[in-house]
């Protein structure tokens, strides 16, 4: 998110999530550059991790935004990751609506 690359975000997604993400990027970020110049993603903090089962984990975090004049809010994000073909992949995103422009993705499919 910090370097605004949809390609890197896409690379760590499950095959199923990749399909939906690529479909949405056609509208939200057709050049595969996400986010905006201001505010930008400044940092993230992992708040908690929870083992869902033997092959998946839920990571809760806060994503902080900033502008040239200082902080611009912190918003929750939850990533569900699962083992797929020997790699950990994001299989589900639950993020605050304020973060949609930074991912180029609406988890509700809009």
PDB file of N, CA and C in Angstrom:
ATOM      1  N   UNK A   1       0.812  -1.197   0.000  1.00  0.00           N
ATOM      2  CA  UNK A   1       0.000   0.000   0.000  1.00  0.00           C
ATOM      3  C   UNK A   1       0.858   1.265   0.000  1.00  0.00           C
ATOM      4  N   UNK A   2       1.972   1.218   0.722  1.00  0.00           N
ATOM      5  CA  UNK A   2       2.807   2.413   0.827  1.00  0.00           C
ATOM      6  C   UNK A   2       3.414   2.821  -0.515  1.00  0.00           C
ATOM      7  N   UNK A   3       3.710   1.846  -1.383  1.00  0.00           N
ATOM      8  CA  UNK A   3       4.302   2.217  -2.670  1.00  0.00           C
ATOM      9  C   UNK A   3       3.273   2.242  -3.795  1.00  0.00           C
ATOM     10  N   UNK A   4       1.985   2.056  -3.437  1.00  0.00           N
ATOM     11  CA  UNK A   4       0.850   2.244  -4.344  1.00  0.00           C
ATOM     12  C   UNK A   4       0.848   1.280  -5.527  1.00  0.00           C
ATOM     13  N   UNK A   5       1.316   0.072  -5.330  1.00  0.00           N
ATOM     14  CA  UNK A   5       1.416  -0.898  -6.415  1.00  0.00           C
ATOM     15  C   UNK A   5       0.334  -1.974  -6.328  1.00  0.00           C
ATOM     16  N   UNK A   6      -0.639  -1.897  -7.208  1.00  0.00           N
ATOM     17  CA  UNK A   6      -1.665  -2.941  -7.277  1.00  0.00           C
ATOM     18  C   UNK A   6      -1.050  -4.269  -7.700  1.00  0.00           C
ATOM     19  N   UNK A   7       0.010  -4.226  -8.492  1.00  0.00           N
ATOM     20  CA  UNK A   7       0.654  -5.464  -8.944  1.00  0.00           C
ATOM     21  C   UNK A   7       1.217  -6.250  -7.762  1.00  0.00           C
ATOM     22  N   UNK A   8       1.826  -5.563  -6.799  1.00  0.00           N
ATOM     23  CA  UNK A   8       2.354  -6.251  -5.618  1.00  0.00           C
ATOM     24  C   UNK A   8       1.220  -6.761  -4.731  1.00  0.00           C
ATOM     25  N   UNK A   9       0.159  -5.995  -4.615  1.00  0.00           N
ATOM     26  CA  UNK A   9      -1.004  -6.447  -3.850  1.00  0.00           C
ATOM     27  C   UNK A   9      -1.591  -7.700  -4.499  1.00  0.00           C
ATOM     28  N   UNK A  10      -1.726  -7.656  -5.804  1.00  0.00           N
ATOM     29  CA  UNK A  10      -2.272  -8.776  -6.579  1.00  0.00           C
ATOM     30  C   UNK A  10      -1.423 -10.037  -6.396  1.00  0.00           C
ATOM     31  N   UNK A  11      -0.115  -9.864  -6.365  1.00  0.00           N
ATOM     32  CA  UNK A  11       0.811 -11.001  -6.289  1.00  0.00           C
ATOM     33  C   UNK A  11       0.644 -11.833  -5.024  1.00  0.00           C
ATOM     34  N   UNK A  12       0.134 -11.240  -3.951  1.00  0.00           N
ATOM     35  CA  UNK A  12       0.010 -11.975  -2.691  1.00  0.00           C
ATOM     36  C   UNK A  12      -1.419 -12.448  -2.412  1.00  0.00           C
ATOM     37  N   UNK A  13      -2.274 -12.363  -3.412  1.00  0.00           N
ATOM     38  CA  UNK A  13      -3.673 -12.785  -3.251  1.00  0.00           C
ATOM     39  C   UNK A  13      -3.888 -14.208  -3.745  1.00  0.00           C
ATOM     40  N   UNK A  14      -4.924 -14.825  -3.210  1.00  0.00           N
ATOM     41  CA  UNK A  14      -5.324 -16.152  -3.678  1.00  0.00           C
ATOM     42  C   UNK A  14      -5.847 -16.030  -5.111  1.00  0.00           C
ATOM     43  N   UNK A  15      -5.880 -17.139  -5.812  1.00  0.00           N
ATOM     44  CA  UNK A  15      -6.364 -17.124  -7.195  1.00  0.00           C
ATOM     45  C   UNK A  15      -7.785 -16.574  -7.283  1.00  0.00           C
ATOM     46  N   UNK A  16      -8.634 -16.973  -6.352  1.00  0.00           N
ATOM     47  CA  UNK A  16     -10.023 -16.506  -6.357  1.00  0.00           C
ATOM     48  C   UNK A  16     -10.114 -14.998  -6.131  1.00  0.00           C
ATOM     49  N   UNK A  17      -9.358 -14.493  -5.168  1.00  0.00           N
ATOM     50  CA  UNK A  17      -9.377 -13.062  -4.885  1.00  0.00           C
ATOM     51  C   UNK A  17      -8.760 -12.263  -6.028  1.00  0.00           C
ATOM     52  N   UNK A  18      -7.744 -12.811  -6.683  1.00  0.00           N
ATOM     53  CA  UNK A  18      -7.109 -12.136  -7.822  1.00  0.00           C
ATOM     54  C   UNK A  18      -8.122 -11.825  -8.917  1.00  0.00           C
ATOM     55  N   UNK A  19      -9.014 -12.755  -9.185  1.00  0.00           N
ATOM     56  CA  UNK A  19     -10.009 -12.550 -10.247  1.00  0.00           C
ATOM     57  C   UNK A  19     -10.875 -11.333  -9.956  1.00  0.00           C
ATOM     58  N   UNK A  20     -11.397 -11.252  -8.749  1.00  0.00           N
ATOM     59  CA  UNK A  20     -12.255 -10.127  -8.375  1.00  0.00           C
ATOM     60  C   UNK A  20     -11.456  -8.832  -8.326  1.00  0.00           C
ATOM     61  N   UNK A  21     -10.249  -8.873  -7.791  1.00  0.00           N
ATOM     62  CA  UNK A  21      -9.405  -7.691  -7.694  1.00  0.00           C
ATOM     63  C   UNK A  21      -9.095  -7.134  -9.088  1.00  0.00           C
ATOM     64  N   UNK A  22      -8.694  -7.977 -10.003  1.00  0.00           N
ATOM     65  CA  UNK A  22      -8.383  -7.528 -11.368  1.00  0.00           C
ATOM     66  C   UNK A  22      -9.618  -6.929 -12.033  1.00  0.00           C
ATOM     67  N   UNK A  23     -10.780  -7.514 -11.803  1.00  0.00           N
ATOM     68  CA  UNK A  23     -12.027  -6.978 -12.375  1.00  0.00           C
ATOM     69  C   UNK A  23     -12.278  -5.568 -11.855  1.00  0.00           C
ATOM     70  N   UNK A  24     -12.118  -5.371 -10.568  1.00  0.00           N
ATOM     71  CA  UNK A  24     -12.361  -4.048  -9.989  1.00  0.00           C
ATOM     72  C   UNK A  24     -11.317  -3.023 -10.428  1.00  0.00           C
ATOM     73  N   UNK A  25     -10.081  -3.461 -10.594  1.00  0.00           N
ATOM     74  CA  UNK A  25      -9.028  -2.524 -11.005  1.00  0.00           C
ATOM     75  C   UNK A  25      -9.291  -1.906 -12.371  1.00  0.00           C
ATOM     76  N   UNK A  26     -10.026  -2.587 -13.212  1.00  0.00           N
ATOM     77  CA  UNK A  26     -10.371  -2.017 -14.523  1.00  0.00           C
ATOM     78  C   UNK A  26     -11.063  -0.674 -14.355  1.00  0.00           C
ATOM     79  N   UNK A  27     -11.825  -0.516 -13.281  1.00  0.00           N
ATOM     80  CA  UNK A  27     -12.544   0.725 -13.011  1.00  0.00           C
ATOM     81  C   UNK A  27     -11.797   1.630 -12.042  1.00  0.00           C
ATOM     82  N   UNK A  28     -11.294   1.067 -10.952  1.00  0.00           N
ATOM     83  CA  UNK A  28     -10.726   1.884  -9.877  1.00  0.00           C
ATOM     84  C   UNK A  28      -9.291   2.334 -10.119  1.00  0.00           C
ATOM     85  N   UNK A  29      -8.504   1.508 -10.767  1.00  0.00           N
ATOM     86  CA  UNK A  29      -7.088   1.836 -10.973  1.00  0.00           C
ATOM     87  C   UNK A  29      -6.584   1.124 -12.221  1.00  0.00           C
ATOM     88  N   UNK A  30      -7.075   1.518 -13.404  1.00  0.00           N
ATOM     89  CA  UNK A  30      -6.728   0.779 -14.625  1.00  0.00           C
ATOM     90  C   UNK A  30      -5.229   0.748 -14.936  1.00  0.00           C
ATOM     91  N   UNK A  31      -4.464   1.663 -14.375  1.00  0.00           N
ATOM     92  CA  UNK A  31      -3.009   1.655 -14.580  1.00  0.00           C
ATOM     93  C   UNK A  31      -2.293   0.902 -13.457  1.00  0.00           C
ATOM     94  N   UNK A  32      -3.068   0.278 -12.554  1.00  0.00           N
ATOM     95  CA  UNK A  32      -2.569  -0.524 -11.444  1.00  0.00           C
ATOM     96  C   UNK A  32      -1.739   0.286 -10.450  1.00  0.00           C
ATOM     97  N   UNK A  33      -2.018   1.587 -10.369  1.00  0.00           N
ATOM     98  CA  UNK A  33      -1.435   2.436  -9.331  1.00  0.00           C
ATOM     99  C   UNK A  33      -2.575   2.790  -8.388  1.00  0.00           C
ATOM    100  N   UNK A  34      -2.428   2.443  -7.120  1.00  0.00           N
ATOM    101  CA  UNK A  34      -3.488   2.683  -6.149  1.00  0.00           C
ATOM    102  C   UNK A  34      -3.131   3.858  -5.254  1.00  0.00           C
ATOM    103  N   UNK A  35      -4.089   4.282  -4.461  1.00  0.00           N
ATOM    104  CA  UNK A  35      -3.847   5.366  -3.519  1.00  0.00           C
ATOM    105  C   UNK A  35      -3.897   6.723  -4.181  1.00  0.00           C
ATOM    106  N   UNK A  36      -3.380   7.689  -3.476  1.00  0.00           N
ATOM    107  CA  UNK A  36      -3.364   9.065  -3.960  1.00  0.00           C
ATOM    108  C   UNK A  36      -2.167   9.782  -3.359  1.00  0.00           C
ATOM    109  N   UNK A  37      -1.890  10.945  -3.893  1.00  0.00           N
ATOM    110  CA  UNK A  37      -0.704  11.655  -3.412  1.00  0.00           C
ATOM    111  C   UNK A  37      -0.894  12.176  -1.993  1.00  0.00           C
ATOM    112  N   UNK A  38      -2.125  12.517  -1.617  1.00  0.00           N
ATOM    113  CA  UNK A  38      -2.366  12.974  -0.253  1.00  0.00           C
ATOM    114  C   UNK A  38      -3.838  12.811   0.082  1.00  0.00           C
ATOM    115  N   UNK A  39      -4.160  12.248   1.215  1.00  0.00           N
ATOM    116  CA  UNK A  39      -3.233  11.620   2.148  1.00  0.00           C
ATOM    117  C   UNK A  39      -2.667  10.324   1.591  1.00  0.00           C
ATOM    118  N   UNK A  40      -1.585   9.874   2.175  1.00  0.00           N
ATOM    119  CA  UNK A  40      -0.942   8.637   1.750  1.00  0.00           C
ATOM    120  C   UNK A  40      -0.873   7.669   2.925  1.00  0.00           C
ATOM    121  N   UNK A  41      -0.571   6.404   2.625  1.00  0.00           N
ATOM    122  CA  UNK A  41      -0.405   5.411   3.683  1.00  0.00           C
ATOM    123  C   UNK A  41       0.964   5.631   4.306  1.00  0.00           C
ATOM    124  N   UNK A  42       0.955   5.969   5.574  1.00  0.00           N
ATOM    125  CA  UNK A  42       2.183   6.252   6.297  1.00  0.00           C
ATOM    126  C   UNK A  42       2.749   4.985   6.934  1.00  0.00           C
ATOM    127  N   UNK A  43       1.868   4.204   7.556  1.00  0.00           N
ATOM    128  CA  UNK A  43       2.334   3.019   8.266  1.00  0.00           C
ATOM    129  C   UNK A  43       1.157   2.101   8.586  1.00  0.00           C
ATOM    130  N   UNK A  44       1.496   0.942   9.137  1.00  0.00           N
ATOM    131  CA  UNK A  44       0.469   0.034   9.636  1.00  0.00           C
ATOM    132  C   UNK A  44       0.988  -0.604  10.913  1.00  0.00           C
ATOM    133  N   UNK A  45       0.055  -1.023  11.750  1.00  0.00           N
ATOM    134  CA  UNK A  45       0.417  -1.691  12.990  1.00  0.00           C
ATOM    135  C   UNK A  45      -0.451  -2.937  13.119  1.00  0.00           C
ATOM    136  N   UNK A  46       0.180  -4.075  13.322  1.00  0.00           N
ATOM    137  CA  UNK A  46      -0.576  -5.305  13.557  1.00  0.00           C
ATOM    138  C   UNK A  46      -1.089  -5.265  14.984  1.00  0.00           C
ATOM    139  N   UNK A  47      -2.403  -5.366  15.109  1.00  0.00           N
ATOM    140  CA  UNK A  47      -3.059  -5.293  16.408  1.00  0.00           C
ATOM    141  C   UNK A  47      -3.184  -6.678  17.028  1.00  0.00           C
ATOM    142  N   UNK A  48      -3.527  -7.657  16.191  1.00  0.00           N
ATOM    143  CA  UNK A  48      -3.664  -9.022  16.696  1.00  0.00           C
ATOM    144  C   UNK A  48      -3.608 -10.014  15.549  1.00  0.00           C
ATOM    145  N   UNK A  49      -3.314 -11.245  15.887  1.00  0.00           N
ATOM    146  CA  UNK A  49      -3.401 -12.347  14.934  1.00  0.00           C
ATOM    147  C   UNK A  49      -4.209 -13.452  15.598  1.00  0.00           C
ATOM    148  N   UNK A  50      -4.965 -14.138  14.790  1.00  0.00           N
ATOM    149  CA  UNK A  50      -5.821 -15.208  15.289  1.00  0.00           C
ATOM    150  C   UNK A  50      -5.733 -16.388  14.331  1.00  0.00           C
ATOM    151  N   UNK A  51      -5.461 -17.548  14.861  1.00  0.00           N
ATOM    152  CA  UNK A  51      -5.418 -18.742  14.029  1.00  0.00           C
ATOM    153  C   UNK A  51      -6.847 -19.209  13.789  1.00  0.00           C
ATOM    154  N   UNK A  52      -7.252 -19.226  12.523  1.00  0.00           N
ATOM    155  CA  UNK A  52      -8.608 -19.641  12.182  1.00  0.00           C
ATOM    156  C   UNK A  52      -8.703 -21.165  12.118  1.00  0.00           C
ATOM    157  N   UNK A  53      -7.686 -21.789  11.536  1.00  0.00           N
ATOM    158  CA  UNK A  53      -7.574 -23.244  11.471  1.00  0.00           C
ATOM    159  C   UNK A  53      -6.125 -23.573  11.161  1.00  0.00           C
ATOM    160  N   UNK A  54      -5.833 -24.823  10.826  1.00  0.00           N
ATOM    161  CA  UNK A  54      -4.443 -25.218  10.566  1.00  0.00           C
ATOM    162  C   UNK A  54      -3.835 -24.558   9.337  1.00  0.00           C
ATOM    163  N   UNK A  55      -4.678 -24.011   8.456  1.00  0.00           N
ATOM    164  CA  UNK A  55      -4.172 -23.470   7.201  1.00  0.00           C
ATOM    165  C   UNK A  55      -4.482 -22.000   6.996  1.00  0.00           C
ATOM    166  N   UNK A  56      -5.052 -21.324   7.995  1.00  0.00           N
ATOM    167  CA  UNK A  56      -5.373 -19.914   7.809  1.00  0.00           C
ATOM    168  C   UNK A  56      -5.247 -19.126   9.101  1.00  0.00           C
ATOM    169  N   UNK A  57      -5.071 -17.819   8.934  1.00  0.00           N
ATOM    170  CA  UNK A  57      -4.845 -16.907  10.039  1.00  0.00           C
ATOM    171  C   UNK A  57      -5.520 -15.580   9.712  1.00  0.00           C
ATOM    172  N   UNK A  58      -6.038 -14.906  10.728  1.00  0.00           N
ATOM    173  CA  UNK A  58      -6.647 -13.592  10.550  1.00  0.00           C
ATOM    174  C   UNK A  58      -5.745 -12.564  11.220  1.00  0.00           C
ATOM    175  N   UNK A  59      -5.345 -11.566  10.448  1.00  0.00           N
ATOM    176  CA  UNK A  59      -4.448 -10.521  10.931  1.00  0.00           C
ATOM    177  C   UNK A  59      -5.237  -9.219  10.997  1.00  0.00           C
ATOM    178  N   UNK A  60      -5.367  -8.670  12.196  1.00  0.00           N
ATOM    179  CA  UNK A  60      -6.048  -7.385  12.384  1.00  0.00           C
ATOM    180  C   UNK A  60      -4.996  -6.303  12.498  1.00  0.00           C
ATOM    181  N   UNK A  61      -5.233  -5.186  11.813  1.00  0.00           N
ATOM    182  CA  UNK A  61      -4.258  -4.108  11.825  1.00  0.00           C
ATOM    183  C   UNK A  61      -4.935  -2.753  11.743  1.00  0.00           C
ATOM    184  N   UNK A  62      -4.161  -1.739  12.018  1.00  0.00           N
ATOM    185  CA  UNK A  62      -4.580  -0.358  11.829  1.00  0.00           C
ATOM    186  C   UNK A  62      -3.647   0.249  10.792  1.00  0.00           C
ATOM    187  N   UNK A  63      -4.228   0.908   9.803  1.00  0.00           N
ATOM    188  CA  UNK A  63      -3.455   1.544   8.736  1.00  0.00           C
ATOM    189  C   UNK A  63      -3.545   3.051   8.955  1.00  0.00           C
ATOM    190  N   UNK A  64      -2.404   3.701   9.104  1.00  0.00           N
ATOM    191  CA  UNK A  64      -2.353   5.137   9.374  1.00  0.00           C
ATOM    192  C   UNK A  64      -2.062   5.920   8.096  1.00  0.00           C
ATOM    193  N   UNK A  65      -2.831   6.985   7.917  1.00  0.00           N
ATOM    194  CA  UNK A  65      -2.660   7.882   6.773  1.00  0.00           C
ATOM    195  C   UNK A  65      -2.031   9.182   7.257  1.00  0.00           C
ATOM    196  N   UNK A  66      -1.373   9.884   6.345  1.00  0.00           N
ATOM    197  CA  UNK A  66      -0.729  11.147   6.687  1.00  0.00           C
ATOM    198  C   UNK A  66      -0.789  12.112   5.514  1.00  0.00           C
ATOM    199  N   UNK A  67      -0.649  13.387   5.832  1.00  0.00           N
ATOM    200  CA  UNK A  67      -0.498  14.438   4.833  1.00  0.00           C
ATOM    201  C   UNK A  67       0.757  15.223   5.201  1.00  0.00           C
ATOM    202  N   UNK A  68       1.074  16.215   4.411  1.00  0.00           N
ATOM    203  CA  UNK A  68       2.264  17.024   4.708  1.00  0.00           C
ATOM    204  C   UNK A  68       2.101  17.807   5.999  1.00  0.00           C
ATOM    205  N   UNK A  69       0.870  17.941   6.486  1.00  0.00           N
ATOM    206  CA  UNK A  69       0.651  18.681   7.736  1.00  0.00           C
ATOM    207  C   UNK A  69       0.501  17.774   8.954  1.00  0.00           C
ATOM    208  N   UNK A  70       0.562  16.441   8.741  1.00  0.00           N
ATOM    209  CA  UNK A  70       0.495  15.536   9.874  1.00  0.00           C
ATOM    210  C   UNK A  70      -0.444  14.370   9.667  1.00  0.00           C
ATOM    211  N   UNK A  71      -0.804  13.684  10.752  1.00  0.00           N
ATOM    212  CA  UNK A  71      -1.658  12.498  10.674  1.00  0.00           C
ATOM    213  C   UNK A  71      -3.015  12.799  10.037  1.00  0.00           C
ATOM    214  N   UNK A  72      -3.547  11.795   9.332  1.00  0.00           N
ATOM    215  CA  UNK A  72      -4.843  11.952   8.654  1.00  0.00           C
ATOM    216  C   UNK A  72      -5.771  10.789   8.983  1.00  0.00           C
ATOM    217  N   UNK A  73      -5.601  10.193  10.156  1.00  0.00           N
ATOM    218  CA  UNK A  73      -6.493   9.132  10.595  1.00  0.00           C
ATOM    219  C   UNK A  73      -5.861   7.761  10.503  1.00  0.00           C
ATOM    220  N   UNK A  74      -6.460   6.847  11.261  1.00  0.00           N
ATOM    221  CA  UNK A  74      -6.045   5.445  11.250  1.00  0.00           C
ATOM    222  C   UNK A  74      -7.297   4.608  11.091  1.00  0.00           C
ATOM    223  N   UNK A  75      -7.217   3.595  10.247  1.00  0.00           N
ATOM    224  CA  UNK A  75      -8.396   2.816   9.886  1.00  0.00           C
ATOM    225  C   UNK A  75      -8.114   1.325  10.005  1.00  0.00           C
ATOM    226  N   UNK A  76      -9.140   0.558  10.414  1.00  0.00           N
ATOM    227  CA  UNK A  76      -8.945  -0.878  10.605  1.00  0.00           C
ATOM    228  C   UNK A  76      -8.923  -1.654   9.294  1.00  0.00           C
ATOM    229  N   UNK A  77      -8.140  -2.702   9.300  1.00  0.00           N
ATOM    230  CA  UNK A  77      -8.085  -3.641   8.177  1.00  0.00           C
ATOM    231  C   UNK A  77      -7.889  -5.032   8.761  1.00  0.00           C
ATOM    232  N   UNK A  78      -8.530  -5.983   8.135  1.00  0.00           N
ATOM    233  CA  UNK A  78      -8.394  -7.368   8.581  1.00  0.00           C
ATOM    234  C   UNK A  78      -8.090  -8.207   7.345  1.00  0.00           C
ATOM    235  N   UNK A  79      -6.975  -8.927   7.398  1.00  0.00           N
ATOM    236  CA  UNK A  79      -6.574  -9.805   6.306  1.00  0.00           C
ATOM    237  C   UNK A  79      -6.710 -11.247   6.765  1.00  0.00           C
ATOM    238  N   UNK A  80      -7.359 -12.044   5.957  1.00  0.00           N
ATOM    239  CA  UNK A  80      -7.375 -13.478   6.213  1.00  0.00           C
ATOM    240  C   UNK A  80      -6.399 -14.089   5.227  1.00  0.00           C
ATOM    241  N   UNK A  81      -5.397 -14.776   5.738  1.00  0.00           N
ATOM    242  CA  UNK A  81      -4.394 -15.410   4.897  1.00  0.00           C
ATOM    243  C   UNK A  81      -4.502 -16.920   5.049  1.00  0.00           C
ATOM    244  N   UNK A  82      -4.195 -17.612   3.957  1.00  0.00           N
ATOM    245  CA  UNK A  82      -4.295 -19.063   3.967  1.00  0.00           C
ATOM    246  C   UNK A  82      -3.176 -19.644   3.117  1.00  0.00           C
ATOM    247  N   UNK A  83      -2.790 -20.848   3.431  1.00  0.00           N
ATOM    248  CA  UNK A  83      -1.753 -21.526   2.670  1.00  0.00           C
ATOM    249  C   UNK A  83      -2.339 -22.001   1.335  1.00  0.00           C
ATOM    250  N   UNK A  84      -1.686 -21.596   0.244  1.00  0.00           N
ATOM    251  CA  UNK A  84      -2.120 -21.974  -1.103  1.00  0.00           C
ATOM    252  C   UNK A  84      -0.885 -22.307  -1.922  1.00  0.00           C
ATOM    253  N   UNK A  85      -0.770 -23.541  -2.352  1.00  0.00           N
ATOM    254  CA  UNK A  85       0.369 -23.988  -3.159  1.00  0.00           C
ATOM    255  C   UNK A  85       1.715 -23.695  -2.483  1.00  0.00           C
ATOM    256  N   UNK A  86       1.754 -23.850  -1.154  1.00  0.00           N
ATOM    257  CA  UNK A  86       3.003 -23.659  -0.430  1.00  0.00           C
ATOM    258  C   UNK A  86       3.328 -22.218  -0.072  1.00  0.00           C
ATOM    259  N   UNK A  87       2.425 -21.278  -0.372  1.00  0.00           N
ATOM    260  CA  UNK A  87       2.638 -19.871  -0.053  1.00  0.00           C
ATOM    261  C   UNK A  87       1.466 -19.350   0.762  1.00  0.00           C
ATOM    262  N   UNK A  88       1.730 -18.359   1.610  1.00  0.00           N
ATOM    263  CA  UNK A  88       0.652 -17.690   2.320  1.00  0.00           C
ATOM    264  C   UNK A  88       0.065 -16.640   1.390  1.00  0.00           C
ATOM    265  N   UNK A  89      -1.234 -16.703   1.175  1.00  0.00           N
ATOM    266  CA  UNK A  89      -1.935 -15.785   0.270  1.00  0.00           C
ATOM    267  C   UNK A  89      -3.089 -15.120   0.997  1.00  0.00           C
ATOM    268  N   UNK A  90      -3.390 -13.891   0.630  1.00  0.00           N
ATOM    269  CA  UNK A  90      -4.571 -13.210   1.161  1.00  0.00           C
ATOM    270  C   UNK A  90      -5.791 -13.802   0.478  1.00  0.00           C
ATOM    271  N   UNK A  91      -6.730 -14.303   1.278  1.00  0.00           N
ATOM    272  CA  UNK A  91      -7.950 -14.885   0.723  1.00  0.00           C
ATOM    273  C   UNK A  91      -9.166 -14.004   0.985  1.00  0.00           C
ATOM    274  N   UNK A  92      -9.019 -13.070   1.922  1.00  0.00           N
ATOM    275  CA  UNK A  92     -10.141 -12.181   2.234  1.00  0.00           C
ATOM    276  C   UNK A  92      -9.607 -10.876   2.804  1.00  0.00           C
ATOM    277  N   UNK A  93     -10.242  -9.775   2.381  1.00  0.00           N
ATOM    278  CA  UNK A  93      -9.928  -8.447   2.899  1.00  0.00           C
ATOM    279  C   UNK A  93     -11.173  -7.869   3.547  1.00  0.00           C
ATOM    280  N   UNK A  94     -11.057  -7.423   4.758  1.00  0.00           N
ATOM    281  CA  UNK A  94     -12.122  -6.668   5.418  1.00  0.00           C
ATOM    282  C   UNK A  94     -11.481  -5.355   5.837  1.00  0.00           C
ATOM    283  N   UNK A  95     -11.793  -4.297   5.103  1.00  0.00           N
ATOM    284  CA  UNK A  95     -11.129  -3.022   5.346  1.00  0.00           C
ATOM    285  C   UNK A  95     -12.147  -1.903   5.471  1.00  0.00           C
ATOM    286  N   UNK A  96     -11.768  -0.865   6.216  1.00  0.00           N
ATOM    287  CA  UNK A  96     -12.614   0.317   6.333  1.00  0.00           C
ATOM    288  C   UNK A  96     -12.784   0.946   4.954  1.00  0.00           C
ATOM    289  N   UNK A  97     -13.940   1.495   4.726  1.00  0.00           N
ATOM    290  CA  UNK A  97     -14.239   2.125   3.432  1.00  0.00           C
ATOM    291  C   UNK A  97     -13.214   3.207   3.079  1.00  0.00           C
ATOM    292  N   UNK A  98     -12.681   3.882   4.073  1.00  0.00           N
ATOM    293  CA  UNK A  98     -11.683   4.933   3.830  1.00  0.00           C
ATOM    294  C   UNK A  98     -10.416   4.397   3.174  1.00  0.00           C
ATOM    295  N   UNK A  99     -10.190   3.086   3.277  1.00  0.00           N
ATOM    296  CA  UNK A  99      -8.986   2.483   2.687  1.00  0.00           C
ATOM    297  C   UNK A  99      -9.200   1.978   1.266  1.00  0.00           C
ATOM    298  N   UNK A 100     -10.420   1.969   0.776  1.00  0.00           N
ATOM    299  CA  UNK A 100     -10.688   1.458  -0.575  1.00  0.00           C
ATOM    300  C   UNK A 100      -9.791   2.110  -1.638  1.00  0.00           C
ATOM    301  N   UNK A 101      -9.609   3.432  -1.630  1.00  0.00           N
ATOM    302  CA  UNK A 101      -8.757   4.031  -2.677  1.00  0.00           C
ATOM    303  C   UNK A 101      -7.307   3.561  -2.631  1.00  0.00           C
ATOM    304  N   UNK A 102      -6.849   3.133  -1.453  1.00  0.00           N
ATOM    305  CA  UNK A 102      -5.457   2.720  -1.293  1.00  0.00           C
ATOM    306  C   UNK A 102      -5.223   1.288  -1.743  1.00  0.00           C
ATOM    307  N   UNK A 103      -6.300   0.525  -1.828  1.00  0.00           N
ATOM    308  CA  UNK A 103      -6.199  -0.852  -2.315  1.00  0.00           C
ATOM    309  C   UNK A 103      -6.738  -0.979  -3.735  1.00  0.00           C
ATOM    310  N   UNK A 104      -7.603  -0.054  -4.141  1.00  0.00           N
ATOM    311  CA  UNK A 104      -8.270  -0.186  -5.436  1.00  0.00           C
ATOM    312  C   UNK A 104      -9.336  -1.259  -5.383  1.00  0.00           C
ATOM    313  N   UNK A 105      -9.765  -1.620  -4.172  1.00  0.00           N
ATOM    314  CA  UNK A 105     -10.631  -2.785  -4.004  1.00  0.00           C
ATOM    315  C   UNK A 105     -11.727  -2.491  -2.992  1.00  0.00           C
ATOM    316  N   UNK A 106     -12.938  -2.902  -3.339  1.00  0.00           N
ATOM    317  CA  UNK A 106     -14.074  -2.838  -2.437  1.00  0.00           C
ATOM    318  C   UNK A 106     -14.432  -4.276  -2.073  1.00  0.00           C
ATOM    319  N   UNK A 107     -14.194  -4.698  -0.833  1.00  0.00           N
ATOM    320  CA  UNK A 107     -14.474  -6.088  -0.455  1.00  0.00           C
ATOM    321  C   UNK A 107     -15.932  -6.504  -0.654  1.00  0.00           C
ATOM    322  N   UNK A 108     -16.808  -5.523  -0.766  1.00  0.00           N
ATOM    323  CA  UNK A 108     -18.227  -5.823  -0.971  1.00  0.00           C
ATOM    324  C   UNK A 108     -18.570  -6.022  -2.447  1.00  0.00           C
ATOM    325  N   UNK A 109     -17.569  -5.902  -3.296  1.00  0.00           N
ATOM    326  CA  UNK A 109     -17.744  -6.171  -4.718  1.00  0.00           C
ATOM    327  C   UNK A 109     -18.348  -5.045  -5.526  1.00  0.00           C
ATOM    328  N   UNK A 110     -18.424  -3.876  -4.972  1.00  0.00           N
ATOM    329  CA  UNK A 110     -19.027  -2.742  -5.693  1.00  0.00           C
ATOM    330  C   UNK A 110     -18.088  -2.192  -6.740  1.00  0.00           C
TER     331      UNK A 110
END
